[in-house]
Protein backbone atom coordinates (compact mmCIF):
# COMPACT_ATOMS: atom_id res chain seq x y z
CA UNK A 1 -0.69 -11.99 30.89
CA UNK A 2 -0.43 -11.73 27.10
CA UNK A 3 0.18 -8.23 25.80
CA UNK A 4 -2.43 -7.07 23.27
CA UNK A 5 0.00 -5.03 21.15
CA UNK A 6 2.24 -8.09 20.79
CA UNK A 7 -0.71 -10.25 19.83
CA UNK A 8 -1.73 -7.65 17.27
CA UNK A 9 1.80 -7.70 15.81
CA UNK A 10 1.62 -11.48 15.39
CA UNK A 11 -1.84 -11.48 13.82
CA UNK A 12 -0.74 -8.74 11.41
CA UNK A 13 2.28 -10.81 10.31
CA UNK A 14 -0.06 -13.77 9.80
CA UNK A 15 -2.48 -11.67 7.75
CA UNK A 16 0.07 -9.83 5.58
CA UNK A 17 2.78 -12.47 5.28
CA UNK A 18 5.94 -10.75 6.49
CA UNK A 19 7.46 -8.64 9.25
CA UNK A 20 8.04 -5.72 6.88
CA UNK A 21 4.44 -5.78 5.62
CA UNK A 22 3.18 -5.90 9.21
CA UNK A 23 5.39 -2.94 10.06
CA UNK A 24 3.88 -0.93 7.19
CA UNK A 25 0.33 -1.76 8.31
CA UNK A 26 1.03 -1.03 11.97
CA UNK A 27 2.96 2.14 11.20
CA UNK A 28 6.08 1.09 13.14
CA UNK A 29 9.55 -0.11 12.20
CA UNK A 30 10.40 -3.71 11.33
CA UNK A 31 12.71 -3.69 14.32
CA UNK A 32 9.82 -2.75 16.61
CA UNK A 33 7.69 -5.58 15.21
CA UNK A 34 10.55 -8.05 15.71
CA UNK A 35 10.96 -6.87 19.31
CA UNK A 36 7.23 -7.38 19.93
CA UNK A 37 7.47 -10.94 18.64
CA UNK A 38 10.61 -11.66 20.71
CA UNK A 39 8.83 -10.50 23.86
CA UNK A 40 5.75 -12.53 22.94
CA UNK A 41 7.93 -15.62 22.50
CA UNK A 42 9.31 -15.08 26.00
CA UNK A 43 5.78 -14.67 27.38
CA UNK A 44 4.57 -17.87 25.73
CA UNK A 45 7.83 -19.89 26.01
CA UNK A 46 7.35 -20.85 22.36
CA UNK A 47 9.05 -20.09 19.07
CA UNK A 48 6.57 -18.20 16.89
CA UNK A 49 8.52 -17.38 13.72
CA UNK A 50 11.11 -19.31 11.76
CA UNK A 51 13.24 -18.43 8.78
CA UNK A 52 11.94 -19.34 5.35
CA UNK A 53 14.46 -18.27 2.72
CA UNK A 54 14.73 -14.51 2.99
CA UNK A 55 11.45 -14.25 4.88
CA UNK A 56 9.71 -15.84 7.85
CA UNK A 57 6.86 -18.24 8.40
CA UNK A 58 4.66 -18.94 11.39
CA UNK A 59 5.35 -22.00 13.50
CA UNK A 60 2.59 -24.39 14.54
CA UNK A 61 2.53 -22.68 17.94
CA UNK A 62 2.07 -19.30 16.24
CA UNK A 63 -0.88 -20.56 14.19
CA UNK A 64 -2.56 -21.77 17.37
CA UNK A 65 -1.91 -18.44 19.10
CA UNK A 66 -3.16 -16.43 16.11
CA UNK A 67 -6.50 -18.26 16.20
CA UNK A 68 -6.95 -17.29 19.84
CA UNK A 69 -5.54 -13.77 19.34
CA UNK A 70 -8.02 -12.99 16.56
CA UNK A 71 -10.89 -13.94 18.86
CA UNK A 72 -9.39 -12.01 21.78
CA UNK A 73 -9.02 -8.82 19.76
CA UNK A 74 -12.52 -9.18 18.32
CA UNK A 75 -13.93 -9.77 21.80
CA UNK A 76 -12.24 -6.63 23.15
CA UNK A 77 -13.74 -4.52 20.37
CA UNK A 78 -17.12 -6.21 20.85
CA UNK A 79 -16.97 -5.64 24.61
CA UNK A 80 -16.28 -1.94 24.08
CA UNK A 81 -19.18 -1.75 21.62
CA UNK A 82 -21.57 -3.59 23.95
CA UNK A 83 -20.63 -1.42 26.92
CA UNK A 84 -21.33 1.70 24.89
CA UNK A 85 -24.62 0.26 23.62
CA UNK A 86 -25.61 -0.75 27.17
CA UNK A 87 -25.10 2.79 28.41
CA UNK A 88 -27.58 3.90 25.76
CA UNK A 89 -27.41 6.99 23.66
CA UNK A 90 -24.64 8.25 21.43
CA UNK A 91 -21.80 9.12 23.79
CA UNK A 92 -18.07 9.05 24.18
CA UNK A 93 -15.12 9.75 21.89
CA UNK A 94 -15.17 8.81 18.21
CA UNK A 95 -12.07 8.97 16.02
CA UNK A 96 -12.70 9.55 12.31
CA UNK A 97 -10.17 9.58 9.46
CA UNK A 98 -10.93 11.09 6.05
CA UNK A 99 -9.04 11.74 2.83
CA UNK A 100 -8.19 15.43 2.27
CA UNK A 101 -11.01 16.55 -0.03
CA UNK A 102 -13.60 14.75 2.11
CA UNK A 103 -12.10 16.37 5.20
CA UNK A 104 -12.52 19.73 3.48
CA UNK A 105 -15.69 19.31 1.44
CA UNK A 106 -17.78 16.90 3.53
CA UNK A 107 -16.69 16.61 7.14
CA UNK A 108 -17.18 20.18 8.47
CA UNK A 109 -20.96 20.01 8.01
CA UNK A 110 -21.05 16.39 9.24
CA UNK A 111 -19.21 17.37 12.44
CA UNK A 112 -21.51 20.34 13.04
CA UNK A 113 -24.64 18.23 12.52
CA UNK A 114 -23.32 15.41 14.75
CA UNK A 115 -22.55 17.89 17.54
CA UNK A 116 -26.07 19.33 17.34
CA UNK A 117 -27.77 15.93 17.32
CA UNK A 118 -25.48 14.19 19.82
CA UNK A 119 -24.00 16.70 22.28
CA UNK A 120 -22.35 13.94 24.34
CA UNK A 121 -20.42 12.66 21.33
CA UNK A 122 -16.86 13.97 20.92
CA UNK A 123 -15.49 13.48 17.42
CA UNK A 124 -11.82 13.87 16.49
CA UNK A 125 -11.03 14.16 12.78
CA UNK A 126 -7.72 13.07 11.24
CA UNK A 127 -6.92 13.89 7.61
CA UNK A 128 -4.98 11.18 5.75
CA UNK A 129 -5.09 9.23 2.51
CA UNK A 130 -7.41 6.20 2.12
CA UNK A 131 -4.79 3.48 2.56
CA UNK A 132 -3.53 5.10 5.76
CA UNK A 133 -7.11 5.59 6.98
CA UNK A 134 -7.90 1.94 6.38
CA UNK A 135 -4.77 0.97 8.31
CA UNK A 136 -5.76 3.18 11.25
CA UNK A 137 -9.15 1.45 11.40
CA UNK A 138 -7.55 -2.00 11.23
CA UNK A 139 -5.18 -1.09 14.04
CA UNK A 140 -8.01 0.28 16.16
CA UNK A 141 -6.52 3.77 16.17
CA UNK A 142 -9.57 5.14 14.36
CA UNK A 143 -13.16 4.02 14.75
CA UNK A 144 -14.36 4.97 11.28
CA UNK A 145 -12.85 6.20 8.03
CA UNK A 146 -14.11 7.99 4.95
CA UNK A 147 -12.23 6.61 1.95
CA UNK A 148 -12.36 6.73 -1.83
CA UNK A 149 -11.60 4.46 -4.71
CA UNK A 150 -11.33 5.55 -8.31
CA UNK A 151 -12.74 3.89 -11.37
CA UNK A 152 -10.05 1.39 -12.36
CA UNK A 153 -8.23 1.78 -9.02
CA UNK A 154 -10.36 0.01 -6.40
CA UNK A 155 -9.58 0.00 -2.68
CA UNK A 156 -10.67 -3.50 -1.59
CA UNK A 157 -11.65 -3.66 2.09
CA UNK A 158 -9.57 -6.09 4.20
CA UNK A 159 -11.12 -8.97 6.09
CA UNK A 160 -13.03 -7.83 9.14
CA UNK A 161 -13.92 -4.44 7.65
CA UNK A 162 -17.44 -3.38 6.70
CA UNK A 163 -18.24 -0.38 4.55
CA UNK A 164 -21.16 1.66 3.27
CA UNK A 165 -21.27 3.44 -0.08
CA UNK A 166 -22.00 7.14 0.42
CA UNK A 167 -21.96 8.67 -3.06
CA UNK A 168 -20.11 8.86 -6.38
CA UNK A 169 -18.06 12.00 -6.96
CA UNK A 170 -17.81 13.06 -10.62
CA UNK A 171 -14.57 14.44 -12.06
CA UNK A 172 -14.25 17.20 -14.65
CA UNK A 173 -11.44 18.77 -16.65
CA UNK A 174 -10.40 22.21 -15.43
CA UNK A 175 -9.06 24.43 -18.24
CA UNK A 176 -8.56 28.13 -18.98
CA UNK A 177 -11.71 29.87 -20.20
CA UNK A 178 -9.79 30.73 -23.38
CA UNK A 179 -9.17 27.07 -24.24
CA UNK A 180 -10.72 25.97 -27.59
CA UNK A 181 -12.77 23.27 -25.77
CA UNK A 182 -13.90 25.48 -22.89
CA UNK A 183 -17.42 26.02 -24.24
CA UNK A 184 -18.09 22.35 -24.95
CA UNK A 185 -20.82 20.48 -23.05
CA UNK A 186 -18.40 17.60 -22.53
CA UNK A 187 -15.10 16.28 -23.84
CA UNK A 188 -13.50 12.89 -24.42
CA UNK A 189 -10.11 12.23 -22.87
CA UNK A 190 -8.77 11.14 -26.26
CA UNK A 191 -9.33 14.72 -27.48
CA UNK A 192 -6.79 15.89 -24.91
CA UNK A 193 -3.88 13.77 -26.14
CA UNK A 194 -1.59 16.74 -26.76
CA UNK A 195 -2.37 18.62 -23.56
CA UNK A 196 -0.03 19.19 -20.64
CA UNK A 197 -1.42 18.14 -17.27
CA UNK A 198 -1.18 19.34 -13.71
CA UNK A 199 -1.32 16.34 -11.40
CA UNK A 200 -1.13 15.24 -7.80
CA UNK A 201 2.34 13.93 -6.89
CA UNK A 202 3.52 10.54 -8.11
CA UNK A 203 2.62 7.71 -5.78
CA UNK A 204 -0.73 9.20 -4.82
CA UNK A 205 -4.09 7.68 -5.71
CA UNK A 206 -5.03 10.76 -7.73
CA UNK A 207 -1.87 10.57 -9.85
CA UNK A 208 -2.41 6.87 -10.55
CA UNK A 209 -6.01 7.50 -11.48
CA UNK A 210 -5.22 10.37 -13.88
CA UNK A 211 -2.51 8.31 -15.62
CA UNK A 212 -4.80 5.27 -15.83
CA UNK A 213 -7.76 7.31 -17.11
CA UNK A 214 -5.64 8.72 -19.92
CA UNK A 215 -3.80 5.53 -20.84
CA UNK A 216 -6.97 3.46 -21.01
CA UNK A 217 -8.13 5.89 -23.67
CA UNK A 218 -4.92 5.71 -25.67
CA UNK A 219 -3.36 8.90 -24.28
CA UNK A 220 0.08 8.97 -22.67
CA UNK A 221 0.01 11.66 -19.97
CA UNK A 222 2.34 14.63 -20.27
CA UNK A 223 2.66 15.88 -16.69
CA UNK A 224 3.97 19.45 -16.57
CA UNK A 225 3.54 20.21 -12.87
CA UNK A 226 2.74 18.38 -9.63
CA UNK A 227 0.72 19.66 -6.66
CA UNK A 228 -1.20 17.91 -3.92
CA UNK A 229 -3.57 20.83 -3.37
CA UNK A 230 -6.51 21.52 -5.67
CA UNK A 231 -6.33 25.33 -5.20
CA UNK A 232 -2.72 25.22 -6.40
CA UNK A 233 -3.66 23.07 -9.37
CA UNK A 234 -6.41 25.55 -10.28
CA UNK A 235 -3.97 28.47 -9.97
CA UNK A 236 -1.63 26.73 -12.42
CA UNK A 237 -4.57 26.09 -14.76
CA UNK A 238 -5.54 29.77 -14.56
CA UNK A 239 -1.98 30.70 -15.54
CA UNK A 240 -2.33 28.59 -18.69
CA UNK A 241 0.25 26.03 -17.58
CA UNK A 242 -1.87 22.92 -18.17
CA UNK A 243 -5.16 21.16 -17.52
CA UNK A 244 -6.27 19.34 -14.39
CA UNK A 245 -8.71 16.50 -13.85
CA UNK A 246 -10.50 17.27 -10.60
CA UNK A 247 -13.45 15.76 -8.71
CA UNK A 248 -16.14 18.13 -7.50
CA UNK A 249 -15.90 17.32 -3.78
CA UNK A 250 -13.54 19.66 -1.98
CA UNK A 251 -12.49 21.38 -5.21
CA UNK A 252 -13.29 24.83 -3.89
CA UNK A 253 -14.06 27.95 -5.87
CA UNK A 254 -12.87 28.21 -9.45
CA UNK A 255 -10.74 31.11 -10.58
CA UNK A 256 -12.69 33.64 -12.71
CA UNK A 257 -10.81 32.60 -15.86
CA UNK A 258 -11.07 28.82 -15.27
CA UNK A 259 -13.94 26.57 -16.37
CA UNK A 260 -14.66 22.89 -15.85
CA UNK A 261 -15.91 20.59 -18.59
CA UNK A 262 -17.50 17.17 -17.92
CA UNK A 263 -15.78 14.09 -19.33
CA UNK A 264 -17.41 11.57 -21.64
CA UNK A 265 -17.79 8.77 -20.58
CA UNK A 266 -18.24 9.99 -17.01
CA UNK A 267 -15.24 9.60 -14.70
CA UNK A 268 -15.93 9.28 -11.00
CA UNK A 269 -14.65 8.08 -7.66
CA UNK A 270 -16.76 6.25 -5.12
CA UNK A 271 -16.77 7.48 -1.52
CA UNK A 272 -17.31 5.03 1.34
CA UNK A 273 -17.45 4.92 5.11
CA UNK A 274 -15.72 1.91 6.65
CA UNK A 275 -15.31 0.47 10.14
CA UNK A 276 -14.33 -2.74 11.90
CA UNK A 277 -17.15 -5.25 11.89
CA UNK A 278 -17.30 -5.49 15.68
CA UNK A 279 -17.46 -1.71 16.04
CA UNK A 280 -20.63 -1.59 13.96
CA UNK A 281 -22.68 -2.18 17.12
CA UNK A 282 -21.48 1.06 18.67
CA UNK A 283 -24.22 3.69 18.68
CA UNK A 284 -21.58 6.33 17.99
CA UNK A 285 -20.39 4.56 14.84
CA UNK A 286 -23.95 4.04 13.61
CA UNK A 287 -24.76 7.69 14.29
CA UNK A 288 -21.72 8.91 12.34
CA UNK A 289 -22.57 6.66 9.38
CA UNK A 290 -26.10 8.08 9.43
CA UNK A 291 -24.73 11.62 9.50
CA UNK A 292 -22.46 10.85 6.57
CA UNK A 293 -25.35 9.41 4.58
CA UNK A 294 -27.41 12.53 5.24
CA UNK A 295 -24.55 14.79 4.14
CA UNK A 296 -23.97 12.64 1.06
CA UNK A 297 -27.51 13.38 -0.12
CA UNK A 298 -26.61 17.08 -0.38
CA UNK A 299 -23.27 16.67 -2.19
């Protein structure tokens, strides 16, 4: 009997090109991936990987097994979806991942509405960044994810993933009410060339987007402080320690002495729901997408 986790490890290596990349996607160590492959080789009595310089490549036997494994994994997901659809109604557990501001600014109302409409549906929410959410969906550890991509920093969906656009979330510059530009109807990023900025930590999508938004307009960012939480960023803005570029979703209440000014041209991020293609037949997945679309209309 072939082990599904070992098959998934092999197909992930085939899709992403290396053991280390597969480990990142699967959220386990490279050693654990290698052990899965070693056990799979014993199960199949075939060599599946061979050295290629400093990396590995799939053997002919591995390519054959991957073709079957892809179909097996798709069939398992499809079988689960068909069984749920056959039972009728929106029932069972549903695991949803969402990036932090969506988890805060969108999901509470979605979860309440889903519970009222579908009392036999049990939803578990996990907060994590978009790349991690996408990985959880690929691995089958989440059924659906709410993700974002910024203008200039797209998040392309992997093969086998479907997604639905929910809404575009506009960003604005938060600044002290005493700032010379605070009473403007809008502001161009180039006008803020000499400003200090409060940013999300380096390596995050929000940091990359702020830096890109400034640099594409000829401004080299001067980051004074880093914080992953919007309330903290707003507190630093209120103290006069810099400006922050914040989307509206999940931003929370502004401090009394902080204002937000729209940016010209408009800066925005797009918010999507995504799921594995085979899971799209599940009534629970379709119901959650519908609930997200309804909530998006009120954002």
